[in-house]
Every structure is written in structure tokens, then in C-alpha cells.
């Protein structure tokens, strides 16, 4: 029997799954970064060390690093625990 591809079956399956994932939802290249900052208000809790936490997507735009703020309401929709698919040749 002649196969349409000379790639091993596990690699063909991984590639097929990757194509399905890309078709289902858009991907952005970057890293999730959590920042903790103080606001500067004299009576705020951040003055005692309880810093304000925010989530950003660190990416590159026109060769420069850019941080894109992820609103707290959308933090749960950002897939950051997805298993990494390795497509080695």
C-alpha cells in the first residue's frame, strides 16, 4: 500500500491536529507576562506591598517589543496552559 505522505503516522496526526486548532481559533505569537505595580496613591494597599497585578501579552511589532494589556474580564479566555505540540522532522 502506498501512503500519500512519507512522514510517520504520529507526525501526520500532530500536523493534522495543529491545522484543526489553527482553523478553530486564532493564535498570537508571544509570551504571557504578569506585572505587579504600585499606583502611587498614598492610602492604597499597594503601599504595604500588595501590588496591583495585570496580565500582558509580550510580542514584537515592527521589530520592537510591545506589551498588549489583557483586561481582567478576558484573562480566563487566554489559553496559557495548552500542551505544546512538537512537530519535529
PDB file of N, CA and C in Angstrom:
ATOM      1  N   UNK A   1       0.844  -1.175   0.000  1.00  0.00           N
ATOM      2  CA  UNK A   1       0.000   0.000   0.000  1.00  0.00           C
ATOM      3  C   UNK A   1       0.892   1.241   0.000  1.00  0.00           C
ATOM      4  N   UNK A   2       0.591   2.194  -0.848  1.00  0.00           N
ATOM      5  CA  UNK A   2       1.366   3.424  -0.970  1.00  0.00           C
ATOM      6  C   UNK A   2       0.677   4.530  -0.175  1.00  0.00           C
ATOM      7  N   UNK A   3       1.415   5.140   0.770  1.00  0.00           N
ATOM      8  CA  UNK A   3       0.880   6.239   1.574  1.00  0.00           C
ATOM      9  C   UNK A   3       1.069   7.555   0.840  1.00  0.00           C
ATOM     10  N   UNK A   4       0.174   8.479   1.077  1.00  0.00           N
ATOM     11  CA  UNK A   4       0.247   9.795   0.446  1.00  0.00           C
ATOM     12  C   UNK A   4       1.395  10.616   1.007  1.00  0.00           C
ATOM     13  N   UNK A   5       1.856  10.276   2.183  1.00  0.00           N
ATOM     14  CA  UNK A   5       2.928  11.019   2.815  1.00  0.00           C
ATOM     15  C   UNK A   5       3.987  10.060   3.326  1.00  0.00           C
ATOM     16  N   UNK A   6       5.236  10.497   3.278  1.00  0.00           N
ATOM     17  CA  UNK A   6       6.319   9.668   3.796  1.00  0.00           C
ATOM     18  C   UNK A   6       6.600   9.961   5.258  1.00  0.00           C
ATOM     19  N   UNK A   7       5.825  10.835   5.858  1.00  0.00           N
ATOM     20  CA  UNK A   7       6.010  11.168   7.273  1.00  0.00           C
ATOM     21  C   UNK A   7       5.412  10.042   8.135  1.00  0.00           C
ATOM     22  N   UNK A   8       5.996   9.848   9.308  1.00  0.00           N
ATOM     23  CA  UNK A   8       5.444   8.830  10.217  1.00  0.00           C
ATOM     24  C   UNK A   8       4.021   9.207  10.657  1.00  0.00           C
ATOM     25  N   UNK A   9       3.228   8.218  10.976  1.00  0.00           N
ATOM     26  CA  UNK A   9       1.827   8.429  11.357  1.00  0.00           C
ATOM     27  C   UNK A   9       1.677   9.412  12.529  1.00  0.00           C
ATOM     28  N   UNK A  10       2.476   9.309  13.609  1.00  0.00           N
ATOM     29  CA  UNK A  10       2.309  10.273  14.717  1.00  0.00           C
ATOM     30  C   UNK A  10       2.532  11.720  14.272  1.00  0.00           C
ATOM     31  N   UNK A  11       3.487  11.934  13.378  1.00  0.00           N
ATOM     32  CA  UNK A  11       3.727  13.298  12.904  1.00  0.00           C
ATOM     33  C   UNK A  11       2.576  13.777  12.028  1.00  0.00           C
ATOM     34  N   UNK A  12       2.054  12.907  11.178  1.00  0.00           N
ATOM     35  CA  UNK A  12       0.901  13.288  10.350  1.00  0.00           C
ATOM     36  C   UNK A  12      -0.291  13.645  11.223  1.00  0.00           C
ATOM     37  N   UNK A  13      -0.518  12.868  12.294  1.00  0.00           N
ATOM     38  CA  UNK A  13      -1.636  13.138  13.210  1.00  0.00           C
ATOM     39  C   UNK A  13      -1.433  14.467  13.934  1.00  0.00           C
ATOM     40  N   UNK A  14      -0.203  14.744  14.379  1.00  0.00           N
ATOM     41  CA  UNK A  14       0.086  16.001  15.072  1.00  0.00           C
ATOM     42  C   UNK A  14      -0.109  17.185  14.137  1.00  0.00           C
ATOM     43  N   UNK A  15       0.348  17.062  12.913  1.00  0.00           N
ATOM     44  CA  UNK A  15       0.166  18.138  11.939  1.00  0.00           C
ATOM     45  C   UNK A  15      -1.311  18.368  11.641  1.00  0.00           C
ATOM     46  N   UNK A  16      -2.055  17.291  11.527  1.00  0.00           N
ATOM     47  CA  UNK A  16      -3.489  17.406  11.270  1.00  0.00           C
ATOM     48  C   UNK A  16      -4.185  18.115  12.426  1.00  0.00           C
ATOM     49  N   UNK A  17      -3.834  17.753  13.656  1.00  0.00           N
ATOM     50  CA  UNK A  17      -4.426  18.391  14.835  1.00  0.00           C
ATOM     51  C   UNK A  17      -4.059  19.872  14.887  1.00  0.00           C
ATOM     52  N   UNK A  18      -2.826  20.208  14.524  1.00  0.00           N
ATOM     53  CA  UNK A  18      -2.398  21.593  14.517  1.00  0.00           C
ATOM     54  C   UNK A  18      -3.217  22.409  13.511  1.00  0.00           C
ATOM     55  N   UNK A  19      -3.446  21.863  12.335  1.00  0.00           N
ATOM     56  CA  UNK A  19      -4.259  22.554  11.322  1.00  0.00           C
ATOM     57  C   UNK A  19      -5.673  22.774  11.849  1.00  0.00           C
ATOM     58  N   UNK A  20      -6.221  21.789  12.551  1.00  0.00           N
ATOM     59  CA  UNK A  20      -7.564  21.929  13.137  1.00  0.00           C
ATOM     60  C   UNK A  20      -7.577  23.045  14.182  1.00  0.00           C
ATOM     61  N   UNK A  21      -6.572  23.075  15.054  1.00  0.00           N
ATOM     62  CA  UNK A  21      -6.506  24.111  16.096  1.00  0.00           C
ATOM     63  C   UNK A  21      -6.407  25.502  15.488  1.00  0.00           C
ATOM     64  N   UNK A  22      -5.591  25.648  14.476  1.00  0.00           N
ATOM     65  CA  UNK A  22      -5.426  26.956  13.836  1.00  0.00           C
ATOM     66  C   UNK A  22      -6.719  27.397  13.179  1.00  0.00           C
ATOM     67  N   UNK A  23      -7.453  26.460  12.598  1.00  0.00           N
ATOM     68  CA  UNK A  23      -8.722  26.792  11.945  1.00  0.00           C
ATOM     69  C   UNK A  23      -9.793  27.169  12.969  1.00  0.00           C
ATOM     70  N   UNK A  24      -9.739  26.576  14.167  1.00  0.00           N
ATOM     71  CA  UNK A  24     -10.756  26.809  15.193  1.00  0.00           C
ATOM     72  C   UNK A  24     -10.593  28.147  15.903  1.00  0.00           C
ATOM     73  N   UNK A  25      -9.368  28.561  16.156  1.00  0.00           N
ATOM     74  CA  UNK A  25      -9.152  29.785  16.917  1.00  0.00           C
ATOM     75  C   UNK A  25      -7.859  30.456  16.480  1.00  0.00           C
ATOM     76  N   UNK A  26      -7.826  31.764  16.492  1.00  0.00           N
ATOM     77  CA  UNK A  26      -6.613  32.466  16.075  1.00  0.00           C
ATOM     78  C   UNK A  26      -5.511  32.333  17.123  1.00  0.00           C
ATOM     79  N   UNK A  27      -4.285  32.410  16.658  1.00  0.00           N
ATOM     80  CA  UNK A  27      -3.129  32.337  17.535  1.00  0.00           C
ATOM     81  C   UNK A  27      -2.353  33.640  17.446  1.00  0.00           C
ATOM     82  N   UNK A  28      -1.785  34.044  18.552  1.00  0.00           N
ATOM     83  CA  UNK A  28      -0.877  35.180  18.584  1.00  0.00           C
ATOM     84  C   UNK A  28       0.460  34.684  19.103  1.00  0.00           C
ATOM     85  N   UNK A  29       1.508  35.125  18.471  1.00  0.00           N
ATOM     86  CA  UNK A  29       2.838  34.735  18.921  1.00  0.00           C
ATOM     87  C   UNK A  29       3.272  35.684  20.028  1.00  0.00           C
ATOM     88  N   UNK A  30       3.700  35.113  21.132  1.00  0.00           N
ATOM     89  CA  UNK A  30       4.155  35.941  22.235  1.00  0.00           C
ATOM     90  C   UNK A  30       4.196  35.156  23.529  1.00  0.00           C
ATOM     91  N   UNK A  31       4.468  35.843  24.581  1.00  0.00           N
ATOM     92  CA  UNK A  31       4.539  35.250  25.915  1.00  0.00           C
ATOM     93  C   UNK A  31       3.623  36.023  26.849  1.00  0.00           C
ATOM     94  N   UNK A  32       2.989  35.304  27.759  1.00  0.00           N
ATOM     95  CA  UNK A  32       2.179  35.971  28.774  1.00  0.00           C
ATOM     96  C   UNK A  32       3.095  36.480  29.874  1.00  0.00           C
ATOM     97  N   UNK A  33       2.891  37.726  30.252  1.00  0.00           N
ATOM     98  CA  UNK A  33       3.716  38.365  31.271  1.00  0.00           C
ATOM     99  C   UNK A  33       2.796  38.937  32.339  1.00  0.00           C
ATOM    100  N   UNK A  34       3.091  38.625  33.587  1.00  0.00           N
ATOM    101  CA  UNK A  34       2.335  39.208  34.692  1.00  0.00           C
ATOM    102  C   UNK A  34       3.185  40.310  35.309  1.00  0.00           C
ATOM    103  N   UNK A  35       2.588  41.479  35.465  1.00  0.00           N
ATOM    104  CA  UNK A  35       3.298  42.604  36.067  1.00  0.00           C
ATOM    105  C   UNK A  35       2.610  42.990  37.364  1.00  0.00           C
ATOM    106  N   UNK A  36       3.406  43.378  38.347  1.00  0.00           N
ATOM    107  CA  UNK A  36       2.885  43.842  39.633  1.00  0.00           C
ATOM    108  C   UNK A  36       3.441  45.240  39.855  1.00  0.00           C
ATOM    109  N   UNK A  37       2.538  46.193  40.054  1.00  0.00           N
ATOM    110  CA  UNK A  37       2.954  47.590  40.146  1.00  0.00           C
ATOM    111  C   UNK A  37       2.222  48.298  41.276  1.00  0.00           C
ATOM    112  N   UNK A  38       2.799  49.402  41.692  1.00  0.00           N
ATOM    113  CA  UNK A  38       2.112  50.264  42.662  1.00  0.00           C
ATOM    114  C   UNK A  38       1.510  51.441  41.900  1.00  0.00           C
ATOM    115  N   UNK A  39       0.400  51.966  42.404  1.00  0.00           N
ATOM    116  CA  UNK A  39      -0.310  53.035  41.696  1.00  0.00           C
ATOM    117  C   UNK A  39       0.138  54.431  42.126  1.00  0.00           C
ATOM    118  N   UNK A  40       0.730  54.546  43.289  1.00  0.00           N
ATOM    119  CA  UNK A  40       1.197  55.853  43.740  1.00  0.00           C
ATOM    120  C   UNK A  40       0.256  56.568  44.694  1.00  0.00           C
ATOM    121  N   UNK A  41      -0.948  56.044  44.894  1.00  0.00           N
ATOM    122  CA  UNK A  41      -1.868  56.677  45.849  1.00  0.00           C
ATOM    123  C   UNK A  41      -1.356  56.435  47.262  1.00  0.00           C
ATOM    124  N   UNK A  42      -1.299  57.443  48.082  1.00  0.00           N
ATOM    125  CA  UNK A  42      -0.701  57.292  49.417  1.00  0.00           C
ATOM    126  C   UNK A  42      -1.444  56.337  50.345  1.00  0.00           C
ATOM    127  N   UNK A  43      -2.760  56.134  50.165  1.00  0.00           N
ATOM    128  CA  UNK A  43      -3.517  55.274  51.081  1.00  0.00           C
ATOM    129  C   UNK A  43      -3.847  53.909  50.476  1.00  0.00           C
ATOM    130  N   UNK A  44      -3.308  53.604  49.339  1.00  0.00           N
ATOM    131  CA  UNK A  44      -3.633  52.340  48.657  1.00  0.00           C
ATOM    132  C   UNK A  44      -2.891  51.165  49.295  1.00  0.00           C
ATOM    133  N   UNK A  45      -3.478  49.985  49.165  1.00  0.00           N
ATOM    134  CA  UNK A  45      -2.882  48.759  49.715  1.00  0.00           C
ATOM    135  C   UNK A  45      -1.536  48.432  49.086  1.00  0.00           C
ATOM    136  N   UNK A  46      -1.292  48.947  47.888  1.00  0.00           N
ATOM    137  CA  UNK A  46      -0.019  48.653  47.225  1.00  0.00           C
ATOM    138  C   UNK A  46       1.163  49.286  47.962  1.00  0.00           C
ATOM    139  N   UNK A  47       0.899  50.279  48.783  1.00  0.00           N
ATOM    140  CA  UNK A  47       1.959  50.895  49.587  1.00  0.00           C
ATOM    141  C   UNK A  47       2.485  49.929  50.642  1.00  0.00           C
ATOM    142  N   UNK A  48       1.636  48.966  51.053  1.00  0.00           N
ATOM    143  CA  UNK A  48       2.040  47.973  52.048  1.00  0.00           C
ATOM    144  C   UNK A  48       2.541  46.687  51.379  1.00  0.00           C
ATOM    145  N   UNK A  49       2.720  46.704  50.081  1.00  0.00           N
ATOM    146  CA  UNK A  49       3.288  45.539  49.399  1.00  0.00           C
ATOM    147  C   UNK A  49       2.305  44.703  48.602  1.00  0.00           C
ATOM    148  N   UNK A  50       1.015  44.964  48.698  1.00  0.00           N
ATOM    149  CA  UNK A  50       0.018  44.213  47.925  1.00  0.00           C
ATOM    150  C   UNK A  50      -0.151  44.902  46.564  1.00  0.00           C
ATOM    151  N   UNK A  51       0.786  44.628  45.680  1.00  0.00           N
ATOM    152  CA  UNK A  51       0.838  45.324  44.404  1.00  0.00           C
ATOM    153  C   UNK A  51      -0.337  44.955  43.492  1.00  0.00           C
ATOM    154  N   UNK A  52      -0.648  45.854  42.576  1.00  0.00           N
ATOM    155  CA  UNK A  52      -1.709  45.622  41.592  1.00  0.00           C
ATOM    156  C   UNK A  52      -1.163  44.714  40.490  1.00  0.00           C
ATOM    157  N   UNK A  53      -1.858  43.626  40.222  1.00  0.00           N
ATOM    158  CA  UNK A  53      -1.443  42.631  39.257  1.00  0.00           C
ATOM    159  C   UNK A  53      -2.165  42.866  37.932  1.00  0.00           C
ATOM    160  N   UNK A  54      -1.448  42.715  36.816  1.00  0.00           N
ATOM    161  CA  UNK A  54      -2.073  42.794  35.499  1.00  0.00           C
ATOM    162  C   UNK A  54      -1.356  41.845  34.550  1.00  0.00           C
ATOM    163  N   UNK A  55      -2.084  41.391  33.534  1.00  0.00           N
ATOM    164  CA  UNK A  55      -1.566  40.410  32.583  1.00  0.00           C
ATOM    165  C   UNK A  55      -1.397  41.079  31.225  1.00  0.00           C
ATOM    166  N   UNK A  56      -0.278  40.758  30.554  1.00  0.00           N
ATOM    167  CA  UNK A  56       0.046  41.327  29.246  1.00  0.00           C
ATOM    168  C   UNK A  56       0.508  40.223  28.307  1.00  0.00           C
ATOM    169  N   UNK A  57       0.329  40.452  27.022  1.00  0.00           N
ATOM    170  CA  UNK A  57       0.927  39.608  26.001  1.00  0.00           C
ATOM    171  C   UNK A  57       2.147  40.357  25.488  1.00  0.00           C
ATOM    172  N   UNK A  58       3.328  39.772  25.690  1.00  0.00           N
ATOM    173  CA  UNK A  58       4.566  40.380  25.192  1.00  0.00           C
ATOM    174  C   UNK A  58       4.812  39.828  23.795  1.00  0.00           C
ATOM    175  N   UNK A  59       4.901  40.722  22.832  1.00  0.00           N
ATOM    176  CA  UNK A  59       5.097  40.327  21.444  1.00  0.00           C
ATOM    177  C   UNK A  59       6.002  41.346  20.765  1.00  0.00           C
ATOM    178  N   UNK A  60       6.229  41.190  19.486  1.00  0.00           N
ATOM    179  CA  UNK A  60       7.042  42.143  18.727  1.00  0.00           C
ATOM    180  C   UNK A  60       6.192  42.761  17.633  1.00  0.00           C
ATOM    181  N   UNK A  61       6.354  44.066  17.458  1.00  0.00           N
ATOM    182  CA  UNK A  61       5.652  44.796  16.410  1.00  0.00           C
ATOM    183  C   UNK A  61       6.653  45.727  15.752  1.00  0.00           C
ATOM    184  N   UNK A  62       6.859  45.547  14.470  1.00  0.00           N
ATOM    185  CA  UNK A  62       7.826  46.335  13.705  1.00  0.00           C
ATOM    186  C   UNK A  62       9.213  46.291  14.345  1.00  0.00           C
ATOM    187  N   UNK A  63       9.600  45.108  14.808  1.00  0.00           N
ATOM    188  CA  UNK A  63      10.927  44.913  15.377  1.00  0.00           C
ATOM    189  C   UNK A  63      11.114  45.378  16.804  1.00  0.00           C
ATOM    190  N   UNK A  64      10.062  45.917  17.423  1.00  0.00           N
ATOM    191  CA  UNK A  64      10.164  46.409  18.798  1.00  0.00           C
ATOM    192  C   UNK A  64       9.241  45.612  19.705  1.00  0.00           C
ATOM    193  N   UNK A  65       9.635  45.476  20.956  1.00  0.00           N
ATOM    194  CA  UNK A  65       8.817  44.766  21.934  1.00  0.00           C
ATOM    195  C   UNK A  65       7.568  45.580  22.246  1.00  0.00           C
ATOM    196  N   UNK A  66       6.444  44.889  22.314  1.00  0.00           N
ATOM    197  CA  UNK A  66       5.178  45.544  22.652  1.00  0.00           C
ATOM    198  C   UNK A  66       4.469  44.718  23.712  1.00  0.00           C
ATOM    199  N   UNK A  67       3.869  45.393  24.683  1.00  0.00           N
ATOM    200  CA  UNK A  67       3.070  44.730  25.704  1.00  0.00           C
ATOM    201  C   UNK A  67       1.609  45.083  25.445  1.00  0.00           C
ATOM    202  N   UNK A  68       0.801  44.072  25.212  1.00  0.00           N
ATOM    203  CA  UNK A  68      -0.627  44.274  24.980  1.00  0.00           C
ATOM    204  C   UNK A  68      -1.375  43.884  26.238  1.00  0.00           C
ATOM    205  N   UNK A  69      -2.093  44.824  26.827  1.00  0.00           N
ATOM    206  CA  UNK A  69      -2.823  44.597  28.069  1.00  0.00           C
ATOM    207  C   UNK A  69      -3.986  43.640  27.829  1.00  0.00           C
ATOM    208  N   UNK A  70      -4.136  42.674  28.721  1.00  0.00           N
ATOM    209  CA  UNK A  70      -5.267  41.745  28.676  1.00  0.00           C
ATOM    210  C   UNK A  70      -6.197  42.132  29.823  1.00  0.00           C
ATOM    211  N   UNK A  71      -7.380  42.652  29.514  1.00  0.00           N
ATOM    212  CA  UNK A  71      -8.308  43.065  30.571  1.00  0.00           C
ATOM    213  C   UNK A  71      -8.648  41.892  31.499  1.00  0.00           C
ATOM    214  N   UNK A  72      -8.851  42.210  32.760  1.00  0.00           N
ATOM    215  CA  UNK A  72      -9.143  41.174  33.758  1.00  0.00           C
ATOM    216  C   UNK A  72     -10.335  40.298  33.343  1.00  0.00           C
ATOM    217  N   UNK A  73     -11.339  40.903  32.721  1.00  0.00           N
ATOM    218  CA  UNK A  73     -12.525  40.150  32.296  1.00  0.00           C
ATOM    219  C   UNK A  73     -12.197  39.113  31.220  1.00  0.00           C
ATOM    220  N   UNK A  74     -11.089  39.294  30.504  1.00  0.00           N
ATOM    221  CA  UNK A  74     -10.716  38.361  29.442  1.00  0.00           C
ATOM    222  C   UNK A  74      -9.594  37.409  29.838  1.00  0.00           C
ATOM    223  N   UNK A  75      -9.042  37.558  31.023  1.00  0.00           N
ATOM    224  CA  UNK A  75      -7.919  36.709  31.429  1.00  0.00           C
ATOM    225  C   UNK A  75      -8.257  35.224  31.373  1.00  0.00           C
ATOM    226  N   UNK A  76      -9.474  34.858  31.714  1.00  0.00           N
ATOM    227  CA  UNK A  76      -9.873  33.451  31.691  1.00  0.00           C
ATOM    228  C   UNK A  76     -10.002  32.869  30.303  1.00  0.00           C
ATOM    229  N   UNK A  77     -10.069  33.711  29.290  1.00  0.00           N
ATOM    230  CA  UNK A  77     -10.214  33.218  27.916  1.00  0.00           C
ATOM    231  C   UNK A  77      -8.877  33.017  27.227  1.00  0.00           C
ATOM    232  N   UNK A  78      -7.792  33.424  27.873  1.00  0.00           N
ATOM    233  CA  UNK A  78      -6.465  33.290  27.273  1.00  0.00           C
ATOM    234  C   UNK A  78      -5.927  31.900  27.580  1.00  0.00           C
ATOM    235  N   UNK A  79      -5.742  31.077  26.548  1.00  0.00           N
ATOM    236  CA  UNK A  79      -5.235  29.721  26.795  1.00  0.00           C
ATOM    237  C   UNK A  79      -3.738  29.748  27.058  1.00  0.00           C
ATOM    238  N   UNK A  80      -3.331  29.590  28.299  1.00  0.00           N
ATOM    239  CA  UNK A  80      -1.907  29.593  28.612  1.00  0.00           C
ATOM    240  C   UNK A  80      -1.448  28.278  29.221  1.00  0.00           C
ATOM    241  N   UNK A  81      -2.346  27.306  29.350  1.00  0.00           N
ATOM    242  CA  UNK A  81      -1.960  26.003  29.872  1.00  0.00           C
ATOM    243  C   UNK A  81      -2.064  24.923  28.802  1.00  0.00           C
ATOM    244  N   UNK A  82      -2.136  25.329  27.541  1.00  0.00           N
ATOM    245  CA  UNK A  82      -2.267  24.367  26.455  1.00  0.00           C
ATOM    246  C   UNK A  82      -0.975  23.570  26.307  1.00  0.00           C
ATOM    247  N   UNK A  83      -1.088  22.266  26.035  1.00  0.00           N
ATOM    248  CA  UNK A  83       0.123  21.478  25.807  1.00  0.00           C
ATOM    249  C   UNK A  83       0.796  21.912  24.501  1.00  0.00           C
ATOM    250  N   UNK A  84       2.095  21.889  24.497  1.00  0.00           N
ATOM    251  CA  UNK A  84       2.882  22.279  23.327  1.00  0.00           C
ATOM    252  C   UNK A  84       2.943  21.114  22.361  1.00  0.00           C
ATOM    253  N   UNK A  85       2.610  21.365  21.107  1.00  0.00           N
ATOM    254  CA  UNK A  85       2.711  20.338  20.073  1.00  0.00           C
ATOM    255  C   UNK A  85       4.083  20.433  19.415  1.00  0.00           C
ATOM    256  N   UNK A  86       4.811  19.359  19.444  1.00  0.00           N
ATOM    257  CA  UNK A  86       6.125  19.345  18.829  1.00  0.00           C
ATOM    258  C   UNK A  86       6.027  18.676  17.463  1.00  0.00           C
ATOM    259  N   UNK A  87       6.464  19.382  16.451  1.00  0.00           N
ATOM    260  CA  UNK A  87       6.427  18.846  15.093  1.00  0.00           C
ATOM    261  C   UNK A  87       7.856  18.729  14.580  1.00  0.00           C
ATOM    262  N   UNK A  88       8.574  17.792  15.131  1.00  0.00           N
ATOM    263  CA  UNK A  88       9.979  17.606  14.726  1.00  0.00           C
ATOM    264  C   UNK A  88      10.054  16.842  13.429  1.00  0.00           C
ATOM    265  N   UNK A  89      11.032  17.199  12.637  1.00  0.00           N
ATOM    266  CA  UNK A  89      11.266  16.472  11.374  1.00  0.00           C
ATOM    267  C   UNK A  89      12.353  15.460  11.568  1.00  0.00           C
TER     268      UNK A  89
END
